[in-house]
Amino acid sequence: MIDAIVEYYSDVDILKADGFDEAIIGIDRDHRLIYSVTKCLEILERDMSSEDAMDHFGYNVEGAYVGEQTPIWCWDNFLV
């Protein structure tokens, strides 16, 4: 999906979250990428436990503000 988005919006700087290309589910009107949290956690769980993945995601990924183009994190299919 990221390749199609970058090609379509070739004249726009799009901020990506490193290592989570597989988790991209769309883009909003302000050109902010939208990521599936479920998919992000699955990616992190390849290298760490579920609990560590959740902690890492919450603190280092979702909690990181990197300006107006900070990605959107969609809590899809997630049961709390």
Protein backbone atom coordinates (compact mmCIF):
# COMPACT_ATOMS: atom_id res chain seq x y z
CA MET A 1 0.00 0.00 0.00
CA ILE A 2 2.80 2.44 0.81
CA ASP A 3 4.14 2.30 -2.75
CA ALA A 4 0.75 3.28 -4.18
CA ILE A 5 0.34 6.10 -1.67
CA VAL A 6 3.81 7.51 -2.30
CA GLU A 7 3.28 7.33 -6.05
CA TYR A 8 -0.14 9.02 -5.91
CA TYR A 9 1.09 11.74 -3.53
CA SER A 10 4.49 12.17 -5.17
CA ASP A 11 4.47 15.93 -4.59
CA VAL A 12 3.86 15.58 -0.82
CA ASP A 13 6.30 14.73 1.97
CA ILE A 14 4.82 11.75 3.79
CA LEU A 15 6.18 10.70 7.18
CA LYS A 16 6.50 6.94 7.66
CA ALA A 17 6.97 4.97 10.86
CA ASP A 18 10.07 2.84 10.31
CA GLY A 19 9.43 -0.88 10.16
CA PHE A 20 5.65 -0.69 9.91
CA ASP A 21 4.98 -0.45 6.16
CA GLU A 22 2.92 -3.67 6.32
CA ALA A 23 0.59 -2.03 8.85
CA ILE A 24 -0.43 0.95 6.70
CA ILE A 25 -4.16 0.96 6.04
CA GLY A 26 -4.61 4.40 4.49
CA ILE A 27 -3.94 8.11 4.49
CA ASP A 28 -6.02 11.04 5.75
CA ARG A 29 -6.82 14.39 4.11
CA ASP A 30 -3.80 16.01 5.75
CA HIS A 31 -1.51 13.38 4.22
CA ARG A 32 -0.92 11.58 7.52
CA LEU A 33 -0.49 7.84 7.18
CA ILE A 34 -2.95 5.65 9.07
CA TYR A 35 -1.60 2.49 10.66
CA SER A 36 -3.40 -0.55 12.04
CA VAL A 37 -2.34 -0.99 15.66
CA THR A 38 -3.22 -4.68 15.43
CA LYS A 39 -0.79 -5.11 12.53
CA CYS A 40 1.89 -3.00 14.26
CA LEU A 41 1.70 -5.24 17.32
CA GLU A 42 1.93 -8.35 15.14
CA ILE A 43 5.10 -6.94 13.56
CA LEU A 44 6.63 -6.18 16.96
CA GLU A 45 5.67 -9.64 18.28
CA ARG A 46 8.00 -11.19 15.71
CA ASP A 47 10.88 -10.08 17.95
CA MET A 48 9.35 -9.74 21.44
CA SER A 49 6.59 -10.98 23.69
CA SER A 50 3.05 -9.61 23.42
CA GLU A 51 3.45 -7.68 26.65
CA ASP A 52 6.77 -6.18 25.57
CA ALA A 53 5.28 -5.33 22.16
CA MET A 54 2.39 -3.49 23.79
CA ASP A 55 4.75 -1.58 26.10
CA HIS A 56 7.14 -0.73 23.27
CA PHE A 57 4.32 0.38 20.99
CA GLY A 58 2.65 2.55 23.61
CA TYR A 59 5.78 4.34 24.71
CA ASN A 60 8.06 4.42 21.66
CA VAL A 61 5.67 4.40 18.73
CA GLU A 62 2.22 5.72 19.58
CA GLY A 63 3.57 8.07 22.22
CA ALA A 64 6.08 9.72 19.91
CA TYR A 65 5.01 13.08 18.51
CA VAL A 66 7.06 14.02 15.46
CA GLY A 67 5.21 17.08 14.28
CA GLU A 68 2.09 17.77 12.28
CA GLN A 69 2.67 14.73 10.09
CA THR A 70 2.71 12.31 13.04
CA PRO A 71 0.95 9.14 11.84
CA ILE A 72 -2.52 8.15 12.98
CA TRP A 73 -2.79 4.93 14.98
CA CYS A 74 -6.07 3.10 14.37
CA TRP A 75 -7.02 0.77 17.24
CA ASP A 76 -8.74 -1.73 14.98
CA ASN A 77 -9.93 -5.17 16.06
CA PHE A 78 -8.47 -4.64 19.49
CA LEU A 79 -10.15 -5.96 22.60
CA VAL A 80 -9.20 -4.31 25.85
